[in-house]
Amino acid sequence: MESEILTIKQVAEYLKVNERTIYRLANKGDIPAFKVGNNWRFKASAIEAWINQNSDSPPPLDNT
């Protein structure tokens, strides 16, 4: 992801879902988001953490 702050459209494209799905998740508080005026915005690092937290796959092993 190029920008640290993402729009609804960018998050929807990234997650391969409809924009309406992202609106619904944001309104319910199910996805990390914040509003700037009347527009939802998303911090890329928070979206990545949300994906990892809600993923069925285990986190990567630390081989150190």
PDB file of N, CA and C in Angstrom:
ATOM      1  N   MET A   1       0.830  -1.176   0.000  1.00  0.00           N
ATOM      2  CA  MET A   1       0.000   0.000   0.000  1.00  0.00           C
ATOM      3  C   MET A   1       0.872   1.236   0.000  1.00  0.00           C
ATOM      4  N   GLU A   2       0.542   2.158  -0.862  1.00  0.00           N
ATOM      5  CA  GLU A   2       1.371   3.356  -1.007  1.00  0.00           C
ATOM      6  C   GLU A   2       1.138   4.379   0.104  1.00  0.00           C
ATOM      7  N   SER A   3      -0.123   4.667   0.403  1.00  0.00           N
ATOM      8  CA  SER A   3      -0.454   5.712   1.361  1.00  0.00           C
ATOM      9  C   SER A   3      -0.756   5.114   2.728  1.00  0.00           C
ATOM     10  N   GLU A   4      -0.402   5.819   3.766  1.00  0.00           N
ATOM     11  CA  GLU A   4      -0.684   5.352   5.127  1.00  0.00           C
ATOM     12  C   GLU A   4      -2.170   5.517   5.466  1.00  0.00           C
ATOM     13  N   ILE A   5      -2.836   6.504   4.882  1.00  0.00           N
ATOM     14  CA  ILE A   5      -4.259   6.735   5.110  1.00  0.00           C
ATOM     15  C   ILE A   5      -5.011   6.333   3.842  1.00  0.00           C
ATOM     16  N   LEU A   6      -6.018   5.466   4.019  1.00  0.00           N
ATOM     17  CA  LEU A   6      -6.752   4.906   2.891  1.00  0.00           C
ATOM     18  C   LEU A   6      -8.204   5.359   2.893  1.00  0.00           C
ATOM     19  N   THR A   7      -8.810   5.352   1.715  1.00  0.00           N
ATOM     20  CA  THR A   7     -10.223   5.673   1.558  1.00  0.00           C
ATOM     21  C   THR A   7     -11.048   4.391   1.559  1.00  0.00           C
ATOM     22  N   ILE A   8     -12.349   4.545   1.605  1.00  0.00           N
ATOM     23  CA  ILE A   8     -13.266   3.394   1.508  1.00  0.00           C
ATOM     24  C   ILE A   8     -12.961   2.594   0.247  1.00  0.00           C
ATOM     25  N   LYS A   9     -12.819   3.287  -0.864  1.00  0.00           N
ATOM     26  CA  LYS A   9     -12.583   2.621  -2.147  1.00  0.00           C
ATOM     27  C   LYS A   9     -11.287   1.808  -2.110  1.00  0.00           C
ATOM     28  N   GLN A  10     -10.227   2.382  -1.568  1.00  0.00           N
ATOM     29  CA  GLN A  10      -8.944   1.694  -1.507  1.00  0.00           C
ATOM     30  C   GLN A  10      -9.010   0.454  -0.617  1.00  0.00           C
ATOM     31  N   VAL A  11      -9.692   0.560   0.524  1.00  0.00           N
ATOM     32  CA  VAL A  11      -9.811  -0.586   1.427  1.00  0.00           C
ATOM     33  C   VAL A  11     -10.658  -1.674   0.768  1.00  0.00           C
ATOM     34  N   ALA A  12     -11.734  -1.278   0.110  1.00  0.00           N
ATOM     35  CA  ALA A  12     -12.591  -2.247  -0.577  1.00  0.00           C
ATOM     36  C   ALA A  12     -11.814  -2.978  -1.667  1.00  0.00           C
ATOM     37  N   GLU A  13     -11.030  -2.257  -2.442  1.00  0.00           N
ATOM     38  CA  GLU A  13     -10.217  -2.884  -3.489  1.00  0.00           C
ATOM     39  C   GLU A  13      -9.173  -3.819  -2.872  1.00  0.00           C
ATOM     40  N   TYR A  14      -8.549  -3.383  -1.804  1.00  0.00           N
ATOM     41  CA  TYR A  14      -7.514  -4.178  -1.146  1.00  0.00           C
ATOM     42  C   TYR A  14      -8.084  -5.484  -0.590  1.00  0.00           C
ATOM     43  N   LEU A  15      -9.277  -5.400   0.023  1.00  0.00           N
ATOM     44  CA  LEU A  15      -9.903  -6.578   0.615  1.00  0.00           C
ATOM     45  C   LEU A  15     -10.763  -7.355  -0.388  1.00  0.00           C
ATOM     46  N   LYS A  16     -10.882  -6.803  -1.602  1.00  0.00           N
ATOM     47  CA  LYS A  16     -11.654  -7.450  -2.659  1.00  0.00           C
ATOM     48  C   LYS A  16     -13.114  -7.659  -2.250  1.00  0.00           C
ATOM     49  N   VAL A  17     -13.711  -6.585  -1.712  1.00  0.00           N
ATOM     50  CA  VAL A  17     -15.122  -6.587  -1.341  1.00  0.00           C
ATOM     51  C   VAL A  17     -15.775  -5.318  -1.876  1.00  0.00           C
ATOM     52  N   ASN A  18     -17.094  -5.279  -1.783  1.00  0.00           N
ATOM     53  CA  ASN A  18     -17.864  -4.118  -2.217  1.00  0.00           C
ATOM     54  C   ASN A  18     -17.641  -2.953  -1.250  1.00  0.00           C
ATOM     55  N   GLU A  19     -17.669  -1.729  -1.760  1.00  0.00           N
ATOM     56  CA  GLU A  19     -17.512  -0.548  -0.911  1.00  0.00           C
ATOM     57  C   GLU A  19     -18.587  -0.496   0.170  1.00  0.00           C
ATOM     58  N   ARG A  20     -19.789  -0.944  -0.138  1.00  0.00           N
ATOM     59  CA  ARG A  20     -20.878  -0.948   0.834  1.00  0.00           C
ATOM     60  C   ARG A  20     -20.547  -1.834   2.031  1.00  0.00           C
ATOM     61  N   THR A  21     -19.807  -2.912   1.793  1.00  0.00           N
ATOM     62  CA  THR A  21     -19.387  -3.791   2.885  1.00  0.00           C
ATOM     63  C   THR A  21     -18.474  -3.034   3.845  1.00  0.00           C
ATOM     64  N   ILE A  22     -17.558  -2.247   3.301  1.00  0.00           N
ATOM     65  CA  ILE A  22     -16.642  -1.467   4.146  1.00  0.00           C
ATOM     66  C   ILE A  22     -17.404  -0.399   4.918  1.00  0.00           C
ATOM     67  N   TYR A  23     -18.357   0.283   4.256  1.00  0.00           N
ATOM     68  CA  TYR A  23     -19.201   1.259   4.965  1.00  0.00           C
ATOM     69  C   TYR A  23     -19.905   0.593   6.149  1.00  0.00           C
ATOM     70  N   ARG A  24     -20.486  -0.572   5.916  1.00  0.00           N
ATOM     71  CA  ARG A  24     -21.219  -1.280   6.961  1.00  0.00           C
ATOM     72  C   ARG A  24     -20.295  -1.649   8.117  1.00  0.00           C
ATOM     73  N   LEU A  25     -19.119  -2.207   7.793  1.00  0.00           N
ATOM     74  CA  LEU A  25     -18.158  -2.586   8.833  1.00  0.00           C
ATOM     75  C   LEU A  25     -17.693  -1.373   9.633  1.00  0.00           C
ATOM     76  N   ALA A  26     -17.441  -0.264   8.946  1.00  0.00           N
ATOM     77  CA  ALA A  26     -16.981   0.957   9.624  1.00  0.00           C
ATOM     78  C   ALA A  26     -18.077   1.519  10.529  1.00  0.00           C
ATOM     79  N   ASN A  27     -19.297   1.558  10.033  1.00  0.00           N
ATOM     80  CA  ASN A  27     -20.411   2.081  10.835  1.00  0.00           C
ATOM     81  C   ASN A  27     -20.665   1.244  12.081  1.00  0.00           C
ATOM     82  N   LYS A  28     -20.476  -0.055  11.984  1.00  0.00           N
ATOM     83  CA  LYS A  28     -20.681  -0.952  13.123  1.00  0.00           C
ATOM     84  C   LYS A  28     -19.475  -0.971  14.060  1.00  0.00           C
ATOM     85  N   GLY A  29     -18.339  -0.416  13.621  1.00  0.00           N
ATOM     86  CA  GLY A  29     -17.133  -0.440  14.429  1.00  0.00           C
ATOM     87  C   GLY A  29     -16.396  -1.765  14.343  1.00  0.00           C
ATOM     88  N   ASP A  30     -16.696  -2.551  13.310  1.00  0.00           N
ATOM     89  CA  ASP A  30     -16.067  -3.859  13.150  1.00  0.00           C
ATOM     90  C   ASP A  30     -14.711  -3.803  12.452  1.00  0.00           C
ATOM     91  N   ILE A  31     -14.380  -2.664  11.868  1.00  0.00           N
ATOM     92  CA  ILE A  31     -13.094  -2.480  11.197  1.00  0.00           C
ATOM     93  C   ILE A  31     -12.521  -1.160  11.707  1.00  0.00           C
ATOM     94  N   PRO A  32     -11.217  -1.088  11.948  1.00  0.00           N
ATOM     95  CA  PRO A  32     -10.648   0.165  12.483  1.00  0.00           C
ATOM     96  C   PRO A  32     -10.737   1.299  11.458  1.00  0.00           C
ATOM     97  N   ALA A  33     -11.445   2.354  11.851  1.00  0.00           N
ATOM     98  CA  ALA A  33     -11.668   3.482  10.943  1.00  0.00           C
ATOM     99  C   ALA A  33     -11.890   4.753  11.748  1.00  0.00           C
ATOM    100  N   PHE A  34     -11.776   5.875  11.071  1.00  0.00           N
ATOM    101  CA  PHE A  34     -12.085   7.163  11.689  1.00  0.00           C
ATOM    102  C   PHE A  34     -12.664   8.074  10.617  1.00  0.00           C
ATOM    103  N   LYS A  35     -13.371   9.089  11.055  1.00  0.00           N
ATOM    104  CA  LYS A  35     -14.001  10.010  10.110  1.00  0.00           C
ATOM    105  C   LYS A  35     -13.226  11.318  10.035  1.00  0.00           C
ATOM    106  N   VAL A  36     -13.116  11.816   8.813  1.00  0.00           N
ATOM    107  CA  VAL A  36     -12.607  13.155   8.552  1.00  0.00           C
ATOM    108  C   VAL A  36     -13.779  13.873   7.891  1.00  0.00           C
ATOM    109  N   GLY A  37     -14.422  14.749   8.641  1.00  0.00           N
ATOM    110  CA  GLY A  37     -15.674  15.335   8.160  1.00  0.00           C
ATOM    111  C   GLY A  37     -16.715  14.235   8.089  1.00  0.00           C
ATOM    112  N   ASN A  38     -17.268  14.014   6.907  1.00  0.00           N
ATOM    113  CA  ASN A  38     -18.259  12.951   6.710  1.00  0.00           C
ATOM    114  C   ASN A  38     -17.663  11.733   6.012  1.00  0.00           C
ATOM    115  N   ASN A  39     -16.363  11.715   5.830  1.00  0.00           N
ATOM    116  CA  ASN A  39     -15.715  10.646   5.071  1.00  0.00           C
ATOM    117  C   ASN A  39     -14.931   9.708   5.973  1.00  0.00           C
ATOM    118  N   TRP A  40     -15.118   8.406   5.741  1.00  0.00           N
ATOM    119  CA  TRP A  40     -14.359   7.407   6.478  1.00  0.00           C
ATOM    120  C   TRP A  40     -12.934   7.326   5.950  1.00  0.00           C
ATOM    121  N   ARG A  41     -11.992   7.165   6.855  1.00  0.00           N
ATOM    122  CA  ARG A  41     -10.590   6.963   6.506  1.00  0.00           C
ATOM    123  C   ARG A  41     -10.057   5.808   7.347  1.00  0.00           C
ATOM    124  N   PHE A  42      -8.999   5.180   6.840  1.00  0.00           N
ATOM    125  CA  PHE A  42      -8.457   3.977   7.458  1.00  0.00           C
ATOM    126  C   PHE A  42      -6.938   4.071   7.474  1.00  0.00           C
ATOM    127  N   LYS A  43      -6.337   3.748   8.593  1.00  0.00           N
ATOM    128  CA  LYS A  43      -4.888   3.706   8.706  1.00  0.00           C
ATOM    129  C   LYS A  43      -4.427   2.340   8.184  1.00  0.00           C
ATOM    130  N   ALA A  44      -3.525   2.331   7.216  1.00  0.00           N
ATOM    131  CA  ALA A  44      -3.090   1.092   6.567  1.00  0.00           C
ATOM    132  C   ALA A  44      -2.560   0.085   7.584  1.00  0.00           C
ATOM    133  N   SER A  45      -1.777   0.533   8.542  1.00  0.00           N
ATOM    134  CA  SER A  45      -1.218  -0.393   9.535  1.00  0.00           C
ATOM    135  C   SER A  45      -2.317  -1.004  10.405  1.00  0.00           C
ATOM    136  N   ALA A  46      -3.367  -0.237  10.691  1.00  0.00           N
ATOM    137  CA  ALA A  46      -4.485  -0.764  11.485  1.00  0.00           C
ATOM    138  C   ALA A  46      -5.268  -1.799  10.687  1.00  0.00           C
ATOM    139  N   ILE A  47      -5.401  -1.590   9.383  1.00  0.00           N
ATOM    140  CA  ILE A  47      -6.087  -2.563   8.530  1.00  0.00           C
ATOM    141  C   ILE A  47      -5.280  -3.861   8.477  1.00  0.00           C
ATOM    142  N   GLU A  48      -3.967  -3.745   8.333  1.00  0.00           N
ATOM    143  CA  GLU A  48      -3.108  -4.937   8.326  1.00  0.00           C
ATOM    144  C   GLU A  48      -3.231  -5.704   9.640  1.00  0.00           C
ATOM    145  N   ALA A  49      -3.215  -4.989  10.762  1.00  0.00           N
ATOM    146  CA  ALA A  49      -3.347  -5.633  12.067  1.00  0.00           C
ATOM    147  C   ALA A  49      -4.717  -6.292  12.196  1.00  0.00           C
ATOM    148  N   TRP A  50      -5.762  -5.639  11.704  1.00  0.00           N
ATOM    149  CA  TRP A  50      -7.122  -6.191  11.741  1.00  0.00           C
ATOM    150  C   TRP A  50      -7.202  -7.469  10.918  1.00  0.00           C
ATOM    151  N   ILE A  51      -6.570  -7.470   9.750  1.00  0.00           N
ATOM    152  CA  ILE A  51      -6.544  -8.668   8.903  1.00  0.00           C
ATOM    153  C   ILE A  51      -5.863  -9.811   9.648  1.00  0.00           C
ATOM    154  N   ASN A  52      -4.702  -9.544  10.229  1.00  0.00           N
ATOM    155  CA  ASN A  52      -3.962 -10.574  10.960  1.00  0.00           C
ATOM    156  C   ASN A  52      -4.746 -11.093  12.162  1.00  0.00           C
ATOM    157  N   GLN A  53      -5.431 -10.197  12.847  1.00  0.00           N
ATOM    158  CA  GLN A  53      -6.195 -10.573  14.030  1.00  0.00           C
ATOM    159  C   GLN A  53      -7.420 -11.409  13.660  1.00  0.00           C
ATOM    160  N   ASN A  54      -8.014 -11.137  12.510  1.00  0.00           N
ATOM    161  CA  ASN A  54      -9.240 -11.814  12.099  1.00  0.00           C
ATOM    162  C   ASN A  54      -8.997 -12.943  11.108  1.00  0.00           C
ATOM    163  N   SER A  55      -7.756 -13.242  10.849  1.00  0.00           N
ATOM    164  CA  SER A  55      -7.409 -14.295   9.900  1.00  0.00           C
ATOM    165  C   SER A  55      -7.476 -15.653  10.574  1.00  0.00           C
ATOM    166  N   ASP A  56      -7.856 -16.656   9.798  1.00  0.00           N
ATOM    167  CA  ASP A  56      -7.895 -18.017  10.316  1.00  0.00           C
ATOM    168  C   ASP A  56      -6.512 -18.650  10.393  1.00  0.00           C
ATOM    169  N   SER A  57      -5.580 -18.102   9.624  1.00  0.00           N
ATOM    170  CA  SER A  57      -4.240 -18.689   9.605  1.00  0.00           C
ATOM    171  C   SER A  57      -3.438 -18.195  10.809  1.00  0.00           C
ATOM    172  N   PRO A  58      -2.551 -19.027  11.319  1.00  0.00           N
ATOM    173  CA  PRO A  58      -1.735 -18.618  12.470  1.00  0.00           C
ATOM    174  C   PRO A  58      -0.730 -17.543  12.066  1.00  0.00           C
ATOM    175  N   PRO A  59      -0.294 -16.736  13.022  1.00  0.00           N
ATOM    176  CA  PRO A  59       0.712 -15.714  12.707  1.00  0.00           C
ATOM    177  C   PRO A  59       2.031 -16.358  12.306  1.00  0.00           C
ATOM    178  N   PRO A  60       2.842 -15.626  11.543  1.00  0.00           N
ATOM    179  CA  PRO A  60       4.142 -16.179  11.138  1.00  0.00           C
ATOM    180  C   PRO A  60       5.031 -16.437  12.362  1.00  0.00           C
ATOM    181  N   LEU A  61       5.846 -17.475  12.249  1.00  0.00           N
ATOM    182  CA  LEU A  61       6.769 -17.797  13.339  1.00  0.00           C
ATOM    183  C   LEU A  61       7.962 -16.867  13.315  1.00  0.00           C
ATOM    184  N   ASP A  62       8.428 -16.505  14.485  1.00  0.00           N
ATOM    185  CA  ASP A  62       9.628 -15.688  14.608  1.00  0.00           C
ATOM    186  C   ASP A  62      10.811 -16.647  14.722  1.00  0.00           C
ATOM    187  N   ASN A  63      11.636 -16.719  13.705  1.00  0.00           N
ATOM    188  CA  ASN A  63      12.747 -17.663  13.665  1.00  0.00           C
ATOM    189  C   ASN A  63      14.034 -17.125  14.271  1.00  0.00           C
ATOM    190  N   THR A  64      13.910 -16.160  15.162  1.00  0.00           N
ATOM    191  CA  THR A  64      15.128 -15.611  15.769  1.00  0.00           C
ATOM    192  C   THR A  64      15.451 -16.277  17.067  1.00  0.00           C
TER     193      THR A  64
END
